Amino acid sequence: MKVRTVATVAAMAMMGLAASGCGLDLLFGDGDGVGDISTGSNEVLGPEPLPYLSGGNDRDEPDTCGRSTLMTFVGQMVDIIPPALIPAGTRVYETGSPLTLDFRLDRINIEYDLITRDVVQITCG
């Protein structure tokens, strides 16, 4: 007698659904209201919207690092920022680059897009 774990049985069931032409839409729905899991009140349960998390890029947060002098460069190429305006210790990095997790309110972070080289955001921290 073979012993199968719950994960193995679930994986086999999903492979069977995929082989029969059914996908995850059968189990979870595709958002069109047909076959979706519902509450019984004709309200379709879908993915919850992600909560807004303040990542330090709000324009109304206190300017603890002096970033206000650089905010006009958001949306422009990072290369046009005059080096004289970038204080020592400023982090200039591409979106998705690994960063240290030390948080310093006096440090300016300039994040730019790798492909377009446009400044995405300027934050303190």
N, C-alpha and C. Protein backbone atom coordinates (compact mmCIF):
# COMPACT_ATOMS: atom_id res chain seq x y z
N MET A 1 0.84 -1.17 0.00
CA MET A 1 0.00 0.00 0.00
C MET A 1 0.89 1.24 0.00
N LYS A 2 0.61 2.18 -0.93
CA LYS A 2 1.40 3.39 -1.03
C LYS A 2 0.84 4.44 -0.07
N VAL A 3 1.74 5.13 0.59
CA VAL A 3 1.35 6.21 1.48
C VAL A 3 1.59 7.52 0.73
N ARG A 4 0.55 8.33 0.63
CA ARG A 4 0.67 9.61 -0.08
C ARG A 4 0.33 10.73 0.88
N THR A 5 1.08 11.79 0.78
CA THR A 5 0.82 12.95 1.62
C THR A 5 -0.30 13.78 1.00
N VAL A 6 -0.82 14.70 1.79
CA VAL A 6 -1.88 15.59 1.30
C VAL A 6 -1.37 16.41 0.12
N ALA A 7 -0.12 16.87 0.20
CA ALA A 7 0.46 17.67 -0.89
C ALA A 7 0.54 16.86 -2.17
N THR A 8 0.91 15.58 -2.05
CA THR A 8 1.00 14.73 -3.24
C THR A 8 -0.37 14.53 -3.86
N VAL A 9 -1.37 14.27 -3.03
CA VAL A 9 -2.73 14.07 -3.53
C VAL A 9 -3.25 15.35 -4.18
N ALA A 10 -2.99 16.50 -3.56
CA ALA A 10 -3.44 17.77 -4.13
C ALA A 10 -2.75 18.03 -5.46
N ALA A 11 -1.46 17.74 -5.54
CA ALA A 11 -0.73 17.94 -6.79
C ALA A 11 -1.27 17.03 -7.88
N MET A 12 -1.58 15.80 -7.54
CA MET A 12 -2.13 14.87 -8.53
C MET A 12 -3.50 15.34 -8.99
N ALA A 13 -4.30 15.87 -8.08
CA ALA A 13 -5.63 16.37 -8.46
C ALA A 13 -5.50 17.55 -9.40
N MET A 14 -4.57 18.45 -9.13
CA MET A 14 -4.37 19.61 -10.00
C MET A 14 -3.87 19.18 -11.37
N MET A 15 -3.00 18.17 -11.41
CA MET A 15 -2.51 17.68 -12.71
C MET A 15 -3.67 17.07 -13.49
N GLY A 16 -4.57 16.39 -12.79
CA GLY A 16 -5.73 15.82 -13.45
C GLY A 16 -6.64 16.89 -14.01
N LEU A 17 -6.83 17.98 -13.25
CA LEU A 17 -7.64 19.09 -13.75
C LEU A 17 -7.00 19.74 -14.96
N ALA A 18 -5.68 19.92 -14.90
CA ALA A 18 -4.99 20.55 -16.02
C ALA A 18 -5.07 19.66 -17.26
N ALA A 19 -4.93 18.35 -17.07
CA ALA A 19 -4.98 17.43 -18.20
C ALA A 19 -6.38 17.37 -18.81
N SER A 20 -7.40 17.60 -18.00
CA SER A 20 -8.76 17.53 -18.53
C SER A 20 -9.21 18.85 -19.13
N GLY A 21 -8.34 19.84 -19.15
CA GLY A 21 -8.69 21.13 -19.76
C GLY A 21 -9.25 22.12 -18.77
N CYS A 22 -9.37 21.73 -17.52
CA CYS A 22 -9.86 22.63 -16.49
C CYS A 22 -8.66 23.26 -15.81
N GLY A 23 -8.77 24.47 -15.46
CA GLY A 23 -7.67 25.15 -14.78
C GLY A 23 -8.09 25.57 -13.40
N LEU A 24 -7.36 26.47 -12.84
CA LEU A 24 -7.69 26.99 -11.52
C LEU A 24 -8.97 27.79 -11.53
N ASP A 25 -9.41 28.22 -12.74
CA ASP A 25 -10.67 28.95 -12.84
C ASP A 25 -11.82 28.12 -12.29
N LEU A 26 -11.74 26.80 -12.47
CA LEU A 26 -12.80 25.92 -11.99
C LEU A 26 -12.88 25.98 -10.47
N LEU A 27 -11.72 26.06 -9.82
CA LEU A 27 -11.70 26.07 -8.37
C LEU A 27 -11.92 27.45 -7.78
N PHE A 28 -11.28 28.45 -8.35
CA PHE A 28 -11.28 29.77 -7.75
C PHE A 28 -12.03 30.82 -8.55
N GLY A 29 -12.37 30.53 -9.76
CA GLY A 29 -13.07 31.50 -10.60
C GLY A 29 -12.09 32.38 -11.34
N ASP A 30 -12.60 33.01 -12.38
CA ASP A 30 -11.76 33.89 -13.18
C ASP A 30 -12.24 35.33 -13.12
N GLY A 31 -13.15 35.62 -12.21
CA GLY A 31 -13.60 36.99 -12.04
C GLY A 31 -14.78 37.38 -12.89
N ASP A 32 -15.26 36.46 -13.75
CA ASP A 32 -16.40 36.81 -14.59
C ASP A 32 -17.73 36.51 -13.92
N GLY A 33 -17.68 35.96 -12.70
CA GLY A 33 -18.90 35.68 -11.96
C GLY A 33 -19.49 34.30 -12.24
N VAL A 34 -19.01 33.63 -13.27
CA VAL A 34 -19.52 32.31 -13.61
C VAL A 34 -18.60 31.27 -12.98
N GLY A 35 -19.14 30.48 -12.08
CA GLY A 35 -18.36 29.44 -11.44
C GLY A 35 -17.43 29.94 -10.35
N ASP A 36 -17.49 31.21 -10.03
CA ASP A 36 -16.63 31.74 -8.99
C ASP A 36 -17.20 31.39 -7.62
N ILE A 37 -16.32 31.32 -6.65
CA ILE A 37 -16.77 31.09 -5.28
C ILE A 37 -17.53 32.34 -4.85
N SER A 38 -18.71 32.17 -4.31
CA SER A 38 -19.49 33.34 -3.91
C SER A 38 -20.01 33.18 -2.50
N THR A 39 -20.57 34.24 -1.99
CA THR A 39 -21.08 34.25 -0.62
C THR A 39 -22.54 33.84 -0.56
N GLY A 40 -23.17 33.58 -1.69
CA GLY A 40 -24.58 33.26 -1.72
C GLY A 40 -25.43 34.49 -1.92
N SER A 41 -24.84 35.65 -1.88
CA SER A 41 -25.61 36.88 -2.05
C SER A 41 -25.26 37.54 -3.38
N ASN A 42 -24.87 36.74 -4.35
CA ASN A 42 -24.46 37.20 -5.68
C ASN A 42 -23.25 38.11 -5.63
N GLU A 43 -22.54 38.09 -4.53
CA GLU A 43 -21.30 38.87 -4.42
C GLU A 43 -20.14 37.93 -4.70
N VAL A 44 -19.39 38.22 -5.73
CA VAL A 44 -18.27 37.36 -6.11
C VAL A 44 -17.07 37.70 -5.24
N LEU A 45 -16.49 36.65 -4.67
CA LEU A 45 -15.28 36.85 -3.88
C LEU A 45 -14.10 36.83 -4.83
N GLY A 46 -13.36 37.89 -4.84
CA GLY A 46 -12.18 37.96 -5.68
C GLY A 46 -10.98 38.30 -4.82
N PRO A 47 -9.87 38.56 -5.46
CA PRO A 47 -8.70 38.92 -4.67
C PRO A 47 -8.92 40.26 -3.98
N GLU A 48 -8.47 40.34 -2.76
CA GLU A 48 -8.59 41.59 -2.00
C GLU A 48 -7.58 42.59 -2.56
N PRO A 49 -7.95 43.86 -2.63
CA PRO A 49 -6.96 44.85 -3.07
C PRO A 49 -5.85 44.97 -2.03
N LEU A 50 -4.65 45.22 -2.50
CA LEU A 50 -3.53 45.36 -1.59
C LEU A 50 -3.67 46.65 -0.80
N PRO A 51 -3.36 46.59 0.48
CA PRO A 51 -3.46 47.82 1.28
C PRO A 51 -2.37 48.78 0.86
N TYR A 52 -2.67 50.06 1.00
CA TYR A 52 -1.68 51.07 0.67
C TYR A 52 -0.64 51.10 1.78
N LEU A 53 0.58 50.89 1.41
CA LEU A 53 1.66 50.95 2.37
C LEU A 53 2.52 52.16 2.05
N SER A 54 2.70 53.00 3.02
CA SER A 54 3.53 54.17 2.80
C SER A 54 4.99 53.74 2.77
N GLY A 55 5.58 53.82 1.61
CA GLY A 55 6.96 53.41 1.45
C GLY A 55 7.93 54.57 1.54
N GLY A 56 7.50 55.67 2.06
CA GLY A 56 8.40 56.80 2.20
C GLY A 56 8.46 57.67 0.96
N ASN A 57 7.54 57.49 0.03
CA ASN A 57 7.60 58.29 -1.19
C ASN A 57 6.44 59.28 -1.28
N ASP A 58 5.76 59.51 -0.18
CA ASP A 58 4.68 60.50 -0.18
C ASP A 58 5.28 61.89 -0.19
N ARG A 59 4.70 62.76 -0.97
CA ARG A 59 5.23 64.12 -1.05
C ARG A 59 4.91 64.93 0.21
N ASP A 60 3.96 64.47 1.03
CA ASP A 60 3.60 65.24 2.21
C ASP A 60 4.35 64.78 3.46
N GLU A 61 5.26 63.83 3.33
CA GLU A 61 6.02 63.41 4.51
C GLU A 61 7.09 64.47 4.81
N PRO A 62 7.53 64.54 6.05
CA PRO A 62 8.52 65.56 6.40
C PRO A 62 9.82 65.36 5.62
N ASP A 63 10.42 66.46 5.23
CA ASP A 63 11.68 66.42 4.48
C ASP A 63 12.83 66.45 5.48
N THR A 64 13.21 65.27 5.96
CA THR A 64 14.26 65.18 6.97
C THR A 64 15.65 65.10 6.37
N CYS A 65 15.73 64.93 5.04
CA CYS A 65 17.03 64.72 4.40
C CYS A 65 17.39 65.80 3.39
N GLY A 66 16.49 66.71 3.10
CA GLY A 66 16.76 67.75 2.12
C GLY A 66 16.44 67.36 0.69
N ARG A 67 15.55 66.41 0.53
CA ARG A 67 15.21 65.92 -0.82
C ARG A 67 14.39 66.92 -1.63
N SER A 68 13.81 67.91 -0.98
CA SER A 68 12.94 68.86 -1.68
C SER A 68 13.67 69.59 -2.80
N THR A 69 14.98 69.77 -2.65
CA THR A 69 15.75 70.44 -3.71
C THR A 69 15.89 69.58 -4.96
N LEU A 70 15.65 68.27 -4.83
CA LEU A 70 15.82 67.35 -5.96
C LEU A 70 14.50 66.86 -6.55
N MET A 71 13.37 67.18 -5.92
CA MET A 71 12.08 66.63 -6.36
C MET A 71 11.71 67.02 -7.79
N THR A 72 12.26 68.09 -8.31
CA THR A 72 11.96 68.49 -9.70
C THR A 72 12.54 67.50 -10.71
N PHE A 73 13.45 66.63 -10.27
CA PHE A 73 14.08 65.68 -11.18
C PHE A 73 13.31 64.36 -11.29
N VAL A 74 12.25 64.16 -10.49
CA VAL A 74 11.45 62.94 -10.59
C VAL A 74 10.79 62.92 -11.97
N GLY A 75 10.97 61.81 -12.69
CA GLY A 75 10.43 61.68 -14.04
C GLY A 75 11.42 62.07 -15.12
N GLN A 76 12.56 62.64 -14.72
CA GLN A 76 13.59 63.01 -15.68
C GLN A 76 14.76 62.03 -15.57
N MET A 77 15.64 62.06 -16.55
CA MET A 77 16.78 61.15 -16.53
C MET A 77 17.71 61.46 -15.36
N VAL A 78 18.16 60.42 -14.70
CA VAL A 78 19.02 60.58 -13.53
C VAL A 78 20.33 61.27 -13.92
N ASP A 79 20.76 61.11 -15.17
CA ASP A 79 22.03 61.67 -15.61
C ASP A 79 22.05 63.20 -15.65
N ILE A 80 20.87 63.83 -15.66
CA ILE A 80 20.86 65.30 -15.76
C ILE A 80 20.92 65.99 -14.40
N ILE A 81 20.90 65.21 -13.31
CA ILE A 81 21.02 65.81 -11.99
C ILE A 81 22.46 66.28 -11.81
N PRO A 82 22.67 67.57 -11.58
CA PRO A 82 24.04 68.06 -11.39
C PRO A 82 24.66 67.42 -10.15
N PRO A 83 25.86 66.87 -10.27
CA PRO A 83 26.51 66.24 -9.12
C PRO A 83 26.63 67.16 -7.91
N ALA A 84 26.71 68.46 -8.15
CA ALA A 84 26.83 69.40 -7.03
C ALA A 84 25.57 69.42 -6.17
N LEU A 85 24.43 68.99 -6.73
CA LEU A 85 23.18 68.96 -5.96
C LEU A 85 23.00 67.67 -5.16
N ILE A 86 23.83 66.67 -5.43
CA ILE A 86 23.70 65.38 -4.75
C ILE A 86 24.66 65.36 -3.56
N PRO A 87 24.13 65.42 -2.33
CA PRO A 87 25.00 65.44 -1.15
C PRO A 87 25.77 64.13 -0.97
N ALA A 88 26.88 64.20 -0.29
CA ALA A 88 27.65 63.00 0.05
C ALA A 88 26.77 62.06 0.86
N GLY A 89 26.88 60.77 0.60
CA GLY A 89 26.09 59.77 1.31
C GLY A 89 24.76 59.45 0.67
N THR A 90 24.42 60.14 -0.43
CA THR A 90 23.16 59.87 -1.13
C THR A 90 23.26 58.52 -1.83
N ARG A 91 22.18 57.74 -1.74
CA ARG A 91 22.12 56.46 -2.47
C ARG A 91 21.44 56.70 -3.80
N VAL A 92 22.12 56.40 -4.88
CA VAL A 92 21.55 56.47 -6.23
C VAL A 92 21.58 55.04 -6.73
N TYR A 93 20.38 54.47 -7.00
CA TYR A 93 20.33 53.05 -7.34
C TYR A 93 19.21 52.77 -8.33
N GLU A 94 19.36 51.64 -9.03
CA GLU A 94 18.35 51.17 -9.98
C GLU A 94 17.23 50.48 -9.23
N THR A 95 16.01 50.57 -9.75
CA THR A 95 14.88 49.87 -9.16
C THR A 95 15.20 48.38 -9.10
N GLY A 96 14.97 47.78 -7.94
CA GLY A 96 15.21 46.35 -7.77
C GLY A 96 16.60 46.01 -7.28
N SER A 97 17.48 46.99 -7.15
CA SER A 97 18.83 46.71 -6.66
C SER A 97 18.79 46.33 -5.18
N PRO A 98 19.67 45.43 -4.76
CA PRO A 98 19.72 45.11 -3.33
C PRO A 98 20.28 46.29 -2.55
N LEU A 99 19.68 46.57 -1.42
CA LEU A 99 20.10 47.70 -0.59
C LEU A 99 20.29 47.23 0.84
N THR A 100 21.11 47.94 1.58
CA THR A 100 21.21 47.67 3.00
C THR A 100 19.92 48.13 3.66
N LEU A 101 19.60 47.54 4.78
CA LEU A 101 18.33 47.84 5.45
C LEU A 101 18.47 48.91 6.54
N ASP A 102 19.63 49.54 6.62
CA ASP A 102 19.77 50.59 7.63
C ASP A 102 18.95 51.81 7.21
N PHE A 103 18.20 52.34 8.14
CA PHE A 103 17.31 53.46 7.86
C PHE A 103 17.88 54.71 8.49
N ARG A 104 18.21 55.69 7.64
CA ARG A 104 18.77 56.95 8.13
C ARG A 104 17.92 58.08 7.58
N LEU A 105 17.29 58.83 8.47
CA LEU A 105 16.42 59.92 8.05
C LEU A 105 17.16 61.04 7.33
N ASP A 106 18.47 61.12 7.53
CA ASP A 106 19.23 62.20 6.90
C ASP A 106 19.77 61.82 5.52
N ARG A 107 19.52 60.59 5.05
CA ARG A 107 20.05 60.14 3.77
C ARG A 107 19.00 60.28 2.67
N ILE A 108 19.42 60.76 1.50
CA ILE A 108 18.56 60.84 0.32
C ILE A 108 18.75 59.56 -0.49
N ASN A 109 17.64 58.99 -0.95
CA ASN A 109 17.65 57.84 -1.85
C ASN A 109 17.07 58.27 -3.18
N ILE A 110 17.83 58.10 -4.24
CA ILE A 110 17.36 58.41 -5.59
C ILE A 110 17.24 57.10 -6.35
N GLU A 111 16.01 56.70 -6.64
CA GLU A 111 15.76 55.45 -7.35
C GLU A 111 15.42 55.77 -8.80
N TYR A 112 16.06 55.04 -9.72
CA TYR A 112 15.80 55.27 -11.14
C TYR A 112 15.56 53.96 -11.86
N ASP A 113 14.87 54.05 -13.00
CA ASP A 113 14.54 52.89 -13.82
C ASP A 113 15.77 52.47 -14.61
N LEU A 114 16.05 51.18 -14.65
CA LEU A 114 17.22 50.64 -15.33
C LEU A 114 17.20 50.91 -16.83
N ILE A 115 16.04 50.77 -17.45
CA ILE A 115 15.94 50.88 -18.91
C ILE A 115 15.86 52.33 -19.35
N THR A 116 14.94 53.09 -18.78
CA THR A 116 14.75 54.48 -19.22
C THR A 116 15.69 55.45 -18.53
N ARG A 117 16.25 55.04 -17.38
CA ARG A 117 17.11 55.86 -16.54
C ARG A 117 16.37 57.06 -15.96
N ASP A 118 15.02 57.00 -15.97
CA ASP A 118 14.21 58.07 -15.38
C ASP A 118 14.16 57.89 -13.87
N VAL A 119 14.21 59.00 -13.14
CA VAL A 119 14.10 58.96 -11.68
C VAL A 119 12.68 58.55 -11.33
N VAL A 120 12.55 57.47 -10.56
CA VAL A 120 11.24 56.94 -10.16
C VAL A 120 10.75 57.62 -8.90
N GLN A 121 11.63 57.74 -7.91
CA GLN A 121 11.26 58.38 -6.66
C GLN A 121 12.50 58.86 -5.93
N ILE A 122 12.29 59.86 -5.10
CA ILE A 122 13.36 60.38 -4.24
C ILE A 122 12.80 60.38 -2.83
N THR A 123 13.46 59.62 -1.96
CA THR A 123 12.95 59.45 -0.60
C THR A 123 14.05 59.73 0.42
N CYS A 124 13.62 59.87 1.66
CA CYS A 124 14.56 59.95 2.78
C CYS A 124 14.63 58.57 3.42
N GLY A 125 15.78 58.21 3.93
CA GLY A 125 15.90 56.93 4.61
C GLY A 125 17.11 56.25 4.27
